[in-house]
């Protein structure tokens, strides 16, 4: 067995010689282009790691059975937590990029056309795998227009594949604790209790929430999260202190963490672009700040989970669970 040598193991010759400055090729070296390249190479490396983590979690959910006893749900929560930590690093990297002033960027900006971060295949794949469908995208006609044909075909092919959102929806639908068999005959089922308690908790101006009740929890009209999945989310949020629901609750929290981190990254990116190029168009031909603002408002993947927080109420009003259900929710030796 040969000894492993650090520079060879990390292939540092490839990595550290992968910065070819366009400004040098044009005979007008721009000092900050090195920073610009290294920051974006770092982004792509982190995107690769995020895709690695998300892909592994999707594999755990893809067989239609997440084995809590075997620790699969714990593994999923742990890896999604890592994704969130990486996304936080991506936000912080913008602090470094903002040390480049508008004039510093203008030294080489026009040499980059039509290249643009908009052509990042890994980020587009990540959004698609998490669950951002084409019809939800802001400026969807433009979204793949700057890609090479083979890359455009790869992104479009993802539209026909299950997303992580789809897999989570199916997992939530399988939660058994709202089944009628756990609620004794003659006792008001949980969902009827919930609606009555929730209605009584509303203050002036919140009555309109009840108009959404059927679309969220009965018909699912206009929603991606199914009624059964939505009911499970509310149950998990209310009874999160039950040991068997702690890990499902943490999974839902990680999804919201990821959505929030992506939104934070988009906001910081928007602010940086405005600060650096003002109202000019992007190097890839987008409307720059205006496109990023539209994406910031439209590209929330798990916002339907966050919506369901509207249908919680105070702990002291949470109904006690029937004995049969409490028994079913215990971890038995």
C-alpha atoms as a PDB file:
ATOM      1  CA  UNK A   1       0.000   0.000   0.000  1.00  0.00           C
ATOM      2  CA  UNK A   2       1.507   3.314  -1.102  1.00  0.00           C
ATOM      3  CA  UNK A   3       1.670   6.339   1.168  1.00  0.00           C
ATOM      4  CA  UNK A   4      -0.875   9.062   0.505  1.00  0.00           C
ATOM      5  CA  UNK A   5       0.661  12.488  -0.074  1.00  0.00           C
ATOM      6  CA  UNK A   6      -1.452  15.512   0.940  1.00  0.00           C
ATOM      7  CA  UNK A   7      -1.057  17.611  -2.266  1.00  0.00           C
ATOM      8  CA  UNK A   8      -1.727  14.543  -4.422  1.00  0.00           C
ATOM      9  CA  UNK A   9      -4.753  13.440  -2.386  1.00  0.00           C
ATOM     10  CA  UNK A  10      -6.362  16.874  -2.744  1.00  0.00           C
ATOM     11  CA  UNK A  11      -5.141  17.259  -6.341  1.00  0.00           C
ATOM     12  CA  UNK A  12      -3.868  20.716  -5.462  1.00  0.00           C
ATOM     13  CA  UNK A  13      -2.036  21.072  -8.779  1.00  0.00           C
ATOM     14  CA  UNK A  14      -5.427  21.050 -10.518  1.00  0.00           C
ATOM     15  CA  UNK A  15      -7.202  23.253  -7.998  1.00  0.00           C
ATOM     16  CA  UNK A  16      -4.512  25.892  -7.498  1.00  0.00           C
ATOM     17  CA  UNK A  17      -3.850  26.216 -11.206  1.00  0.00           C
ATOM     18  CA  UNK A  18      -7.522  26.483 -12.184  1.00  0.00           C
ATOM     19  CA  UNK A  19      -7.631  30.300 -12.091  1.00  0.00           C
ATOM     20  CA  UNK A  20      -7.151  31.667 -15.608  1.00  0.00           C
ATOM     21  CA  UNK A  21      -7.758  35.395 -15.620  1.00  0.00           C
ATOM     22  CA  UNK A  22      -9.483  36.835 -18.682  1.00  0.00           C
ATOM     23  CA  UNK A  23      -7.895  40.199 -17.924  1.00  0.00           C
ATOM     24  CA  UNK A  24      -4.428  38.651 -18.222  1.00  0.00           C
ATOM     25  CA  UNK A  25      -5.390  37.078 -21.544  1.00  0.00           C
ATOM     26  CA  UNK A  26      -6.434  40.568 -22.733  1.00  0.00           C
ATOM     27  CA  UNK A  27      -3.146  42.080 -21.597  1.00  0.00           C
ATOM     28  CA  UNK A  28      -4.804  44.260 -18.926  1.00  0.00           C
ATOM     29  CA  UNK A  29      -4.405  42.390 -15.604  1.00  0.00           C
ATOM     30  CA  UNK A  30      -7.155  43.224 -13.090  1.00  0.00           C
ATOM     31  CA  UNK A  31      -6.130  42.536  -9.511  1.00  0.00           C
ATOM     32  CA  UNK A  32      -9.628  41.625  -8.214  1.00  0.00           C
ATOM     33  CA  UNK A  33     -10.415  39.079 -10.902  1.00  0.00           C
ATOM     34  CA  UNK A  34      -8.468  36.472  -8.889  1.00  0.00           C
ATOM     35  CA  UNK A  35     -10.800  37.059  -5.936  1.00  0.00           C
ATOM     36  CA  UNK A  36     -13.848  36.898  -8.214  1.00  0.00           C
ATOM     37  CA  UNK A  37     -12.804  33.526  -9.656  1.00  0.00           C
ATOM     38  CA  UNK A  38     -11.822  31.943  -6.340  1.00  0.00           C
ATOM     39  CA  UNK A  39     -15.059  32.995  -4.631  1.00  0.00           C
ATOM     40  CA  UNK A  40     -17.167  31.488  -7.415  1.00  0.00           C
ATOM     41  CA  UNK A  41     -15.073  28.323  -7.561  1.00  0.00           C
ATOM     42  CA  UNK A  42     -15.697  27.980  -3.831  1.00  0.00           C
ATOM     43  CA  UNK A  43     -19.425  28.359  -4.440  1.00  0.00           C
ATOM     44  CA  UNK A  44     -19.368  25.548  -6.987  1.00  0.00           C
ATOM     45  CA  UNK A  45     -17.423  23.243  -4.650  1.00  0.00           C
ATOM     46  CA  UNK A  46     -19.922  23.885  -1.869  1.00  0.00           C
ATOM     47  CA  UNK A  47     -22.824  23.330  -4.284  1.00  0.00           C
ATOM     48  CA  UNK A  48     -21.276  19.953  -5.092  1.00  0.00           C
ATOM     49  CA  UNK A  49     -21.209  19.054  -1.397  1.00  0.00           C
ATOM     50  CA  UNK A  50     -24.793  20.243  -0.883  1.00  0.00           C
ATOM     51  CA  UNK A  51     -25.951  18.115  -3.820  1.00  0.00           C
ATOM     52  CA  UNK A  52     -24.075  15.170  -2.307  1.00  0.00           C
ATOM     53  CA  UNK A  53     -25.913  15.612   1.011  1.00  0.00           C
ATOM     54  CA  UNK A  54     -29.343  16.290  -0.476  1.00  0.00           C
ATOM     55  CA  UNK A  55     -28.993  13.343  -2.866  1.00  0.00           C
ATOM     56  CA  UNK A  56     -28.174  10.987  -0.010  1.00  0.00           C
ATOM     57  CA  UNK A  57     -31.214  12.152   1.978  1.00  0.00           C
ATOM     58  CA  UNK A  58     -33.467  11.753  -1.064  1.00  0.00           C
ATOM     59  CA  UNK A  59     -32.204   8.186  -1.388  1.00  0.00           C
ATOM     60  CA  UNK A  60     -33.303   7.497   2.206  1.00  0.00           C
ATOM     61  CA  UNK A  61     -36.829   8.705   1.402  1.00  0.00           C
ATOM     62  CA  UNK A  62     -37.095   7.268  -2.113  1.00  0.00           C
ATOM     63  CA  UNK A  63     -37.978   3.681  -1.129  1.00  0.00           C
ATOM     64  CA  UNK A  64     -41.227   4.801   0.527  1.00  0.00           C
ATOM     65  CA  UNK A  65     -40.090   3.787   4.009  1.00  0.00           C
ATOM     66  CA  UNK A  66     -37.903   5.853   6.338  1.00  0.00           C
ATOM     67  CA  UNK A  67     -36.641   3.499   9.060  1.00  0.00           C
ATOM     68  CA  UNK A  68     -36.728   5.436  12.329  1.00  0.00           C
ATOM     69  CA  UNK A  69     -35.567   2.389  14.300  1.00  0.00           C
ATOM     70  CA  UNK A  70     -32.550   2.099  12.016  1.00  0.00           C
ATOM     71  CA  UNK A  71     -31.659   5.748  12.452  1.00  0.00           C
ATOM     72  CA  UNK A  72     -32.448   6.864   8.895  1.00  0.00           C
ATOM     73  CA  UNK A  73     -34.469   9.868  10.015  1.00  0.00           C
ATOM     74  CA  UNK A  74     -31.670  10.923  12.374  1.00  0.00           C
ATOM     75  CA  UNK A  75     -29.199  10.660   9.499  1.00  0.00           C
ATOM     76  CA  UNK A  76     -31.468  12.784   7.292  1.00  0.00           C
ATOM     77  CA  UNK A  77     -31.799  15.479   9.971  1.00  0.00           C
ATOM     78  CA  UNK A  78     -28.042  15.512  10.537  1.00  0.00           C
ATOM     79  CA  UNK A  79     -27.197  15.850   6.848  1.00  0.00           C
ATOM     80  CA  UNK A  80     -29.808  18.537   6.254  1.00  0.00           C
ATOM     81  CA  UNK A  81     -28.308  20.401   9.206  1.00  0.00           C
ATOM     82  CA  UNK A  82     -24.975  20.241   7.402  1.00  0.00           C
ATOM     83  CA  UNK A  83     -26.622  21.652   4.268  1.00  0.00           C
ATOM     84  CA  UNK A  84     -27.923  24.559   6.335  1.00  0.00           C
ATOM     85  CA  UNK A  85     -24.451  25.207   7.783  1.00  0.00           C
ATOM     86  CA  UNK A  86     -22.927  25.237   4.294  1.00  0.00           C
ATOM     87  CA  UNK A  87     -25.562  27.684   3.046  1.00  0.00           C
ATOM     88  CA  UNK A  88     -24.698  29.973   5.950  1.00  0.00           C
ATOM     89  CA  UNK A  89     -21.071  29.897   4.796  1.00  0.00           C
ATOM     90  CA  UNK A  90     -22.183  30.822   1.271  1.00  0.00           C
ATOM     91  CA  UNK A  91     -23.940  33.882   2.670  1.00  0.00           C
ATOM     92  CA  UNK A  92     -20.813  34.924   4.596  1.00  0.00           C
ATOM     93  CA  UNK A  93     -18.660  34.629   1.467  1.00  0.00           C
ATOM     94  CA  UNK A  94     -20.535  37.634   0.083  1.00  0.00           C
ATOM     95  CA  UNK A  95     -18.779  39.734   2.761  1.00  0.00           C
ATOM     96  CA  UNK A  96     -15.486  38.902   1.068  1.00  0.00           C
ATOM     97  CA  UNK A  97     -16.813  39.544  -2.426  1.00  0.00           C
ATOM     98  CA  UNK A  98     -18.091  42.958  -1.326  1.00  0.00           C
ATOM     99  CA  UNK A  99     -14.520  44.054  -0.644  1.00  0.00           C
ATOM    100  CA  UNK A 100     -14.402  44.394  -4.453  1.00  0.00           C
ATOM    101  CA  UNK A 101     -15.664  47.877  -5.336  1.00  0.00           C
ATOM    102  CA  UNK A 102     -17.688  48.784  -8.457  1.00  0.00           C
ATOM    103  CA  UNK A 103     -14.584  50.240 -10.133  1.00  0.00           C
ATOM    104  CA  UNK A 104     -12.578  47.108  -9.278  1.00  0.00           C
ATOM    105  CA  UNK A 105     -15.232  44.994 -10.998  1.00  0.00           C
ATOM    106  CA  UNK A 106     -15.388  47.244 -14.054  1.00  0.00           C
ATOM    107  CA  UNK A 107     -11.691  46.519 -14.656  1.00  0.00           C
ATOM    108  CA  UNK A 108     -12.674  43.080 -16.015  1.00  0.00           C
ATOM    109  CA  UNK A 109     -16.488  42.816 -16.062  1.00  0.00           C
ATOM    110  CA  UNK A 110     -17.006  43.275 -19.806  1.00  0.00           C
ATOM    111  CA  UNK A 111     -14.446  40.543 -20.496  1.00  0.00           C
ATOM    112  CA  UNK A 112     -16.761  37.971 -18.892  1.00  0.00           C
ATOM    113  CA  UNK A 113     -19.743  38.327 -21.242  1.00  0.00           C
ATOM    114  CA  UNK A 114     -21.886  36.316 -21.723  1.00  0.00           C
ATOM    115  CA  UNK A 115     -20.732  34.169 -18.779  1.00  0.00           C
ATOM    116  CA  UNK A 116     -22.870  34.588 -15.673  1.00  0.00           C
ATOM    117  CA  UNK A 117     -23.658  32.916 -12.372  1.00  0.00           C
ATOM    118  CA  UNK A 118     -27.041  32.385 -13.987  1.00  0.00           C
ATOM    119  CA  UNK A 119     -25.338  29.554 -15.878  1.00  0.00           C
ATOM    120  CA  UNK A 120     -24.462  27.652 -12.692  1.00  0.00           C
ATOM    121  CA  UNK A 121     -25.759  24.190 -13.480  1.00  0.00           C
ATOM    122  CA  UNK A 122     -25.228  22.901  -9.959  1.00  0.00           C
ATOM    123  CA  UNK A 123     -27.370  25.618  -8.393  1.00  0.00           C
ATOM    124  CA  UNK A 124     -30.151  25.028 -10.917  1.00  0.00           C
ATOM    125  CA  UNK A 125     -29.980  21.274 -10.248  1.00  0.00           C
ATOM    126  CA  UNK A 126     -30.108  21.904  -6.496  1.00  0.00           C
ATOM    127  CA  UNK A 127     -33.213  24.078  -6.783  1.00  0.00           C
ATOM    128  CA  UNK A 128     -34.882  21.514  -9.063  1.00  0.00           C
ATOM    129  CA  UNK A 129     -34.045  18.555  -6.813  1.00  0.00           C
ATOM    130  CA  UNK A 130     -35.291  20.337  -3.704  1.00  0.00           C
ATOM    131  CA  UNK A 131     -38.612  21.015  -5.403  1.00  0.00           C
ATOM    132  CA  UNK A 132     -38.639  24.299  -7.299  1.00  0.00           C
ATOM    133  CA  UNK A 133     -40.644  23.511 -10.426  1.00  0.00           C
ATOM    134  CA  UNK A 134     -40.385  25.458 -13.676  1.00  0.00           C
ATOM    135  CA  UNK A 135     -43.881  26.937 -13.384  1.00  0.00           C
ATOM    136  CA  UNK A 136     -42.935  28.479 -10.023  1.00  0.00           C
ATOM    137  CA  UNK A 137     -39.857  30.251 -11.346  1.00  0.00           C
ATOM    138  CA  UNK A 138     -39.707  33.967 -11.875  1.00  0.00           C
ATOM    139  CA  UNK A 139     -38.856  34.687 -15.528  1.00  0.00           C
ATOM    140  CA  UNK A 140     -39.142  31.010 -16.450  1.00  0.00           C
ATOM    141  CA  UNK A 141     -38.847  31.817 -20.173  1.00  0.00           C
ATOM    142  CA  UNK A 142     -35.354  33.134 -19.476  1.00  0.00           C
ATOM    143  CA  UNK A 143     -34.336  30.481 -16.935  1.00  0.00           C
ATOM    144  CA  UNK A 144     -32.674  28.014 -19.324  1.00  0.00           C
ATOM    145  CA  UNK A 145     -32.137  30.342 -22.288  1.00  0.00           C
ATOM    146  CA  UNK A 146     -28.478  31.013 -21.440  1.00  0.00           C
ATOM    147  CA  UNK A 147     -27.521  27.344 -21.123  1.00  0.00           C
ATOM    148  CA  UNK A 148     -25.871  25.088 -23.665  1.00  0.00           C
ATOM    149  CA  UNK A 149     -28.409  22.708 -25.279  1.00  0.00           C
ATOM    150  CA  UNK A 150     -27.191  19.658 -23.357  1.00  0.00           C
ATOM    151  CA  UNK A 151     -27.395  21.542 -20.040  1.00  0.00           C
ATOM    152  CA  UNK A 152     -30.847  22.879 -20.867  1.00  0.00           C
ATOM    153  CA  UNK A 153     -32.008  19.314 -21.597  1.00  0.00           C
ATOM    154  CA  UNK A 154     -30.567  18.117 -18.280  1.00  0.00           C
ATOM    155  CA  UNK A 155     -32.491  20.752 -16.301  1.00  0.00           C
ATOM    156  CA  UNK A 156     -35.717  20.095 -18.207  1.00  0.00           C
ATOM    157  CA  UNK A 157     -35.374  16.338 -17.590  1.00  0.00           C
ATOM    158  CA  UNK A 158     -35.468  16.966 -13.841  1.00  0.00           C
ATOM    159  CA  UNK A 159     -39.022  18.270 -14.218  1.00  0.00           C
ATOM    160  CA  UNK A 160     -40.252  14.719 -14.693  1.00  0.00           C
ATOM    161  CA  UNK A 161     -38.465  13.288 -11.650  1.00  0.00           C
ATOM    162  CA  UNK A 162     -39.662  13.203  -8.014  1.00  0.00           C
ATOM    163  CA  UNK A 163     -38.293  16.110  -5.978  1.00  0.00           C
ATOM    164  CA  UNK A 164     -37.364  16.173  -2.316  1.00  0.00           C
ATOM    165  CA  UNK A 165     -40.582  18.129  -1.738  1.00  0.00           C
ATOM    166  CA  UNK A 166     -42.532  15.230  -3.312  1.00  0.00           C
ATOM    167  CA  UNK A 167     -40.733  12.664  -1.159  1.00  0.00           C
ATOM    168  CA  UNK A 168     -41.360  14.637   2.035  1.00  0.00           C
ATOM    169  CA  UNK A 169     -45.032  15.002   1.087  1.00  0.00           C
ATOM    170  CA  UNK A 170     -45.367  11.226   0.661  1.00  0.00           C
ATOM    171  CA  UNK A 171     -43.541  10.618   3.973  1.00  0.00           C
ATOM    172  CA  UNK A 172     -45.912  12.973   5.796  1.00  0.00           C
ATOM    173  CA  UNK A 173     -48.957  11.287   4.242  1.00  0.00           C
ATOM    174  CA  UNK A 174     -47.872   7.970   5.778  1.00  0.00           C
ATOM    175  CA  UNK A 175     -47.973   9.243   9.377  1.00  0.00           C
ATOM    176  CA  UNK A 176     -50.582   6.957  11.024  1.00  0.00           C
ATOM    177  CA  UNK A 177     -51.467   8.900  14.183  1.00  0.00           C
ATOM    178  CA  UNK A 178     -54.515  10.676  12.750  1.00  0.00           C
ATOM    179  CA  UNK A 179     -56.126   7.388  11.662  1.00  0.00           C
ATOM    180  CA  UNK A 180     -59.649   6.814  13.007  1.00  0.00           C
ATOM    181  CA  UNK A 181     -58.577   3.577  14.717  1.00  0.00           C
ATOM    182  CA  UNK A 182     -56.724   5.579  17.363  1.00  0.00           C
ATOM    183  CA  UNK A 183     -59.712   7.773  18.210  1.00  0.00           C
ATOM    184  CA  UNK A 184     -62.438   5.921  20.206  1.00  0.00           C
ATOM    185  CA  UNK A 185     -65.976   5.836  18.855  1.00  0.00           C
ATOM    186  CA  UNK A 186     -68.031   8.619  20.361  1.00  0.00           C
ATOM    187  CA  UNK A 187     -64.980  10.815  20.989  1.00  0.00           C
ATOM    188  CA  UNK A 188     -64.511  13.891  18.820  1.00  0.00           C
ATOM    189  CA  UNK A 189     -61.760  13.185  16.254  1.00  0.00           C
ATOM    190  CA  UNK A 190     -58.621  15.267  16.562  1.00  0.00           C
ATOM    191  CA  UNK A 191     -59.226  17.292  13.430  1.00  0.00           C
ATOM    192  CA  UNK A 192     -62.678  18.435  14.551  1.00  0.00           C
ATOM    193  CA  UNK A 193     -61.249  19.345  17.967  1.00  0.00           C
ATOM    194  CA  UNK A 194     -58.445  21.246  16.297  1.00  0.00           C
ATOM    195  CA  UNK A 195     -60.749  23.356  14.130  1.00  0.00           C
ATOM    196  CA  UNK A 196     -62.968  24.256  17.082  1.00  0.00           C
ATOM    197  CA  UNK A 197     -60.026  25.247  19.315  1.00  0.00           C
ATOM    198  CA  UNK A 198     -58.312  27.113  16.503  1.00  0.00           C
ATOM    199  CA  UNK A 199     -61.468  29.068  15.632  1.00  0.00           C
ATOM    200  CA  UNK A 200     -61.747  30.167  19.243  1.00  0.00           C
ATOM    201  CA  UNK A 201     -58.117  31.350  19.296  1.00  0.00           C
ATOM    202  CA  UNK A 202     -58.451  33.843  16.447  1.00  0.00           C
ATOM    203  CA  UNK A 203     -58.382  37.572  17.118  1.00  0.00           C
ATOM    204  CA  UNK A 204     -59.982  40.345  15.067  1.00  0.00           C
ATOM    205  CA  UNK A 205     -58.518  40.405  11.570  1.00  0.00           C
ATOM    206  CA  UNK A 206     -57.574  36.708  11.534  1.00  0.00           C
ATOM    207  CA  UNK A 207     -61.003  35.304  10.667  1.00  0.00           C
ATOM    208  CA  UNK A 208     -59.999  35.062   7.002  1.00  0.00           C
ATOM    209  CA  UNK A 209     -57.674  32.183   7.921  1.00  0.00           C
ATOM    210  CA  UNK A 210     -60.720  29.955   8.274  1.00  0.00           C
ATOM    211  CA  UNK A 211     -61.502  30.567   4.601  1.00  0.00           C
ATOM    212  CA  UNK A 212     -58.254  28.712   3.814  1.00  0.00           C
ATOM    213  CA  UNK A 213     -59.124  25.711   5.959  1.00  0.00           C
ATOM    214  CA  UNK A 214     -60.708  23.534   3.278  1.00  0.00           C
ATOM    215  CA  UNK A 215     -58.082  24.296   0.630  1.00  0.00           C
ATOM    216  CA  UNK A 216     -55.265  23.363   3.020  1.00  0.00           C
ATOM    217  CA  UNK A 217     -56.722  20.443   4.941  1.00  0.00           C
ATOM    218  CA  UNK A 218     -59.568  19.028   2.821  1.00  0.00           C
ATOM    219  CA  UNK A 219     -59.352  19.691  -0.927  1.00  0.00           C
ATOM    220  CA  UNK A 220     -55.707  20.731  -1.382  1.00  0.00           C
ATOM    221  CA  UNK A 221     -56.793  23.098  -4.145  1.00  0.00           C
ATOM    222  CA  UNK A 222     -53.933  25.293  -5.311  1.00  0.00           C
ATOM    223  CA  UNK A 223     -51.459  23.602  -2.972  1.00  0.00           C
ATOM    224  CA  UNK A 224     -48.496  21.311  -3.581  1.00  0.00           C
ATOM    225  CA  UNK A 225     -48.558  19.908  -0.056  1.00  0.00           C
ATOM    226  CA  UNK A 226     -51.475  17.465   0.108  1.00  0.00           C
ATOM    227  CA  UNK A 227     -54.249  17.794   2.727  1.00  0.00           C
ATOM    228  CA  UNK A 228     -53.101  14.603   4.474  1.00  0.00           C
ATOM    229  CA  UNK A 229     -49.516  15.868   4.607  1.00  0.00           C
ATOM    230  CA  UNK A 230     -50.671  19.281   5.846  1.00  0.00           C
ATOM    231  CA  UNK A 231     -52.677  17.691   8.655  1.00  0.00           C
ATOM    232  CA  UNK A 232     -49.636  15.639   9.643  1.00  0.00           C
ATOM    233  CA  UNK A 233     -47.431  18.743   9.756  1.00  0.00           C
ATOM    234  CA  UNK A 234     -49.814  20.511  12.148  1.00  0.00           C
ATOM    235  CA  UNK A 235     -50.057  17.384  14.340  1.00  0.00           C
ATOM    236  CA  UNK A 236     -46.252  17.079  14.466  1.00  0.00           C
ATOM    237  CA  UNK A 237     -45.877  20.770  15.333  1.00  0.00           C
ATOM    238  CA  UNK A 238     -48.450  20.574  18.138  1.00  0.00           C
ATOM    239  CA  UNK A 239     -47.203  17.313  19.652  1.00  0.00           C
ATOM    240  CA  UNK A 240     -43.495  17.812  18.975  1.00  0.00           C
ATOM    241  CA  UNK A 241     -42.646  17.113  22.652  1.00  0.00           C
ATOM    242  CA  UNK A 242     -43.694  13.479  22.224  1.00  0.00           C
ATOM    243  CA  UNK A 243     -40.388  11.589  21.816  1.00  0.00           C
ATOM    244  CA  UNK A 244     -41.517   9.796  18.653  1.00  0.00           C
ATOM    245  CA  UNK A 245     -42.298  13.138  16.979  1.00  0.00           C
ATOM    246  CA  UNK A 246     -39.118  14.950  17.985  1.00  0.00           C
ATOM    247  CA  UNK A 247     -37.139  13.784  14.965  1.00  0.00           C
ATOM    248  CA  UNK A 248     -39.944  14.469  12.435  1.00  0.00           C
ATOM    249  CA  UNK A 249     -40.282  17.965  13.931  1.00  0.00           C
ATOM    250  CA  UNK A 250     -36.538  18.553  13.593  1.00  0.00           C
ATOM    251  CA  UNK A 251     -36.692  17.438   9.965  1.00  0.00           C
ATOM    252  CA  UNK A 252     -39.408  20.011   9.235  1.00  0.00           C
ATOM    253  CA  UNK A 253     -37.316  22.654  11.001  1.00  0.00           C
ATOM    254  CA  UNK A 254     -34.268  21.810   8.859  1.00  0.00           C
ATOM    255  CA  UNK A 255     -36.337  22.253   5.689  1.00  0.00           C
ATOM    256  CA  UNK A 256     -37.444  25.688   6.858  1.00  0.00           C
ATOM    257  CA  UNK A 257     -33.836  26.507   7.820  1.00  0.00           C
ATOM    258  CA  UNK A 258     -32.698  25.631   4.297  1.00  0.00           C
ATOM    259  CA  UNK A 259     -35.444  27.695   2.674  1.00  0.00           C
ATOM    260  CA  UNK A 260     -34.586  30.665   4.898  1.00  0.00           C
ATOM    261  CA  UNK A 261     -30.852  30.331   4.197  1.00  0.00           C
ATOM    262  CA  UNK A 262     -31.477  30.244   0.436  1.00  0.00           C
ATOM    263  CA  UNK A 263     -33.677  33.341   0.747  1.00  0.00           C
ATOM    264  CA  UNK A 264     -30.968  35.084   2.802  1.00  0.00           C
ATOM    265  CA  UNK A 265     -28.371  34.212   0.167  1.00  0.00           C
ATOM    266  CA  UNK A 266     -30.619  35.579  -2.591  1.00  0.00           C
ATOM    267  CA  UNK A 267     -31.197  38.786  -0.627  1.00  0.00           C
ATOM    268  CA  UNK A 268     -27.483  39.303   0.018  1.00  0.00           C
ATOM    269  CA  UNK A 269     -26.743  38.528  -3.635  1.00  0.00           C
ATOM    270  CA  UNK A 270     -29.372  41.061  -4.732  1.00  0.00           C
ATOM    271  CA  UNK A 271     -27.942  43.728  -2.420  1.00  0.00           C
ATOM    272  CA  UNK A 272     -24.388  43.033  -3.595  1.00  0.00           C
ATOM    273  CA  UNK A 273     -25.378  43.223  -7.272  1.00  0.00           C
ATOM    274  CA  UNK A 274     -27.203  46.522  -6.739  1.00  0.00           C
ATOM    275  CA  UNK A 275     -24.234  47.898  -4.818  1.00  0.00           C
ATOM    276  CA  UNK A 276     -21.760  46.783  -7.483  1.00  0.00           C
ATOM    277  CA  UNK A 277     -23.503  47.388 -10.841  1.00  0.00           C
ATOM    278  CA  UNK A 278     -26.505  49.531  -9.862  1.00  0.00           C
ATOM    279  CA  UNK A 279     -29.274  49.200 -12.439  1.00  0.00           C
ATOM    280  CA  UNK A 280     -27.145  47.778 -15.263  1.00  0.00           C
ATOM    281  CA  UNK A 281     -27.966  44.415 -16.866  1.00  0.00           C
ATOM    282  CA  UNK A 282     -26.128  41.276 -15.796  1.00  0.00           C
ATOM    283  CA  UNK A 283     -23.248  39.889 -17.829  1.00  0.00           C
ATOM    284  CA  UNK A 284     -25.540  37.036 -18.886  1.00  0.00           C
ATOM    285  CA  UNK A 285     -28.170  39.443 -20.185  1.00  0.00           C
ATOM    286  CA  UNK A 286     -30.609  39.313 -17.262  1.00  0.00           C
ATOM    287  CA  UNK A 287     -32.200  42.451 -15.838  1.00  0.00           C
ATOM    288  CA  UNK A 288     -29.745  42.240 -12.962  1.00  0.00           C
ATOM    289  CA  UNK A 289     -31.222  43.596  -9.728  1.00  0.00           C
ATOM    290  CA  UNK A 290     -34.825  43.354 -10.991  1.00  0.00           C
ATOM    291  CA  UNK A 291     -34.520  39.661 -11.909  1.00  0.00           C
ATOM    292  CA  UNK A 292     -32.915  38.833  -8.545  1.00  0.00           C
ATOM    293  CA  UNK A 293     -35.698  40.679  -6.703  1.00  0.00           C
ATOM    294  CA  UNK A 294     -38.316  38.603  -8.533  1.00  0.00           C
ATOM    295  CA  UNK A 295     -36.500  35.364  -7.727  1.00  0.00           C
ATOM    296  CA  UNK A 296     -36.177  36.363  -4.075  1.00  0.00           C
ATOM    297  CA  UNK A 297     -39.941  36.732  -3.786  1.00  0.00           C
ATOM    298  CA  UNK A 298     -40.873  33.656  -5.862  1.00  0.00           C
ATOM    299  CA  UNK A 299     -38.326  30.922  -5.214  1.00  0.00           C
ATOM    300  CA  UNK A 300     -39.358  29.687  -1.760  1.00  0.00           C
ATOM    301  CA  UNK A 301     -39.485  25.907  -1.892  1.00  0.00           C
ATOM    302  CA  UNK A 302     -40.950  24.933   1.492  1.00  0.00           C
ATOM    303  CA  UNK A 303     -43.084  27.995   2.166  1.00  0.00           C
ATOM    304  CA  UNK A 304     -46.213  25.849   2.466  1.00  0.00           C
ATOM    305  CA  UNK A 305     -44.709  24.333   5.630  1.00  0.00           C
ATOM    306  CA  UNK A 306     -44.213  27.814   7.057  1.00  0.00           C
ATOM    307  CA  UNK A 307     -47.822  28.722   6.171  1.00  0.00           C
ATOM    308  CA  UNK A 308     -49.061  25.989   8.493  1.00  0.00           C
ATOM    309  CA  UNK A 309     -47.691  27.805  11.549  1.00  0.00           C
ATOM    310  CA  UNK A 310     -50.783  29.988  11.115  1.00  0.00           C
ATOM    311  CA  UNK A 311     -52.914  27.061  12.312  1.00  0.00           C
ATOM    312  CA  UNK A 312     -51.332  26.455  15.712  1.00  0.00           C
ATOM    313  CA  UNK A 313     -52.603  27.614  19.104  1.00  0.00           C
ATOM    314  CA  UNK A 314     -51.330  27.861  22.679  1.00  0.00           C
ATOM    315  CA  UNK A 315     -49.911  24.740  24.310  1.00  0.00           C
ATOM    316  CA  UNK A 316     -52.421  24.901  27.156  1.00  0.00           C
ATOM    317  CA  UNK A 317     -55.246  24.292  24.661  1.00  0.00           C
ATOM    318  CA  UNK A 318     -53.677  21.252  22.944  1.00  0.00           C
ATOM    319  CA  UNK A 319     -56.077  18.272  23.385  1.00  0.00           C
ATOM    320  CA  UNK A 320     -54.913  15.257  25.359  1.00  0.00           C
ATOM    321  CA  UNK A 321     -54.350  12.208  23.203  1.00  0.00           C
ATOM    322  CA  UNK A 322     -56.483   9.048  23.585  1.00  0.00           C
ATOM    323  CA  UNK A 323     -54.877   6.242  25.592  1.00  0.00           C
ATOM    324  CA  UNK A 324     -54.611   3.955  22.535  1.00  0.00           C
ATOM    325  CA  UNK A 325     -52.770   6.644  20.611  1.00  0.00           C
ATOM    326  CA  UNK A 326     -50.417   7.457  23.479  1.00  0.00           C
ATOM    327  CA  UNK A 327     -49.565   3.771  23.694  1.00  0.00           C
ATOM    328  CA  UNK A 328     -48.966   3.543  19.936  1.00  0.00           C
ATOM    329  CA  UNK A 329     -46.608   6.531  20.071  1.00  0.00           C
ATOM    330  CA  UNK A 330     -44.365   5.079  22.788  1.00  0.00           C
ATOM    331  CA  UNK A 331     -40.984   3.542  22.140  1.00  0.00           C
ATOM    332  CA  UNK A 332     -41.462  -0.046  23.312  1.00  0.00           C
ATOM    333  CA  UNK A 333     -38.574  -2.165  24.557  1.00  0.00           C
END
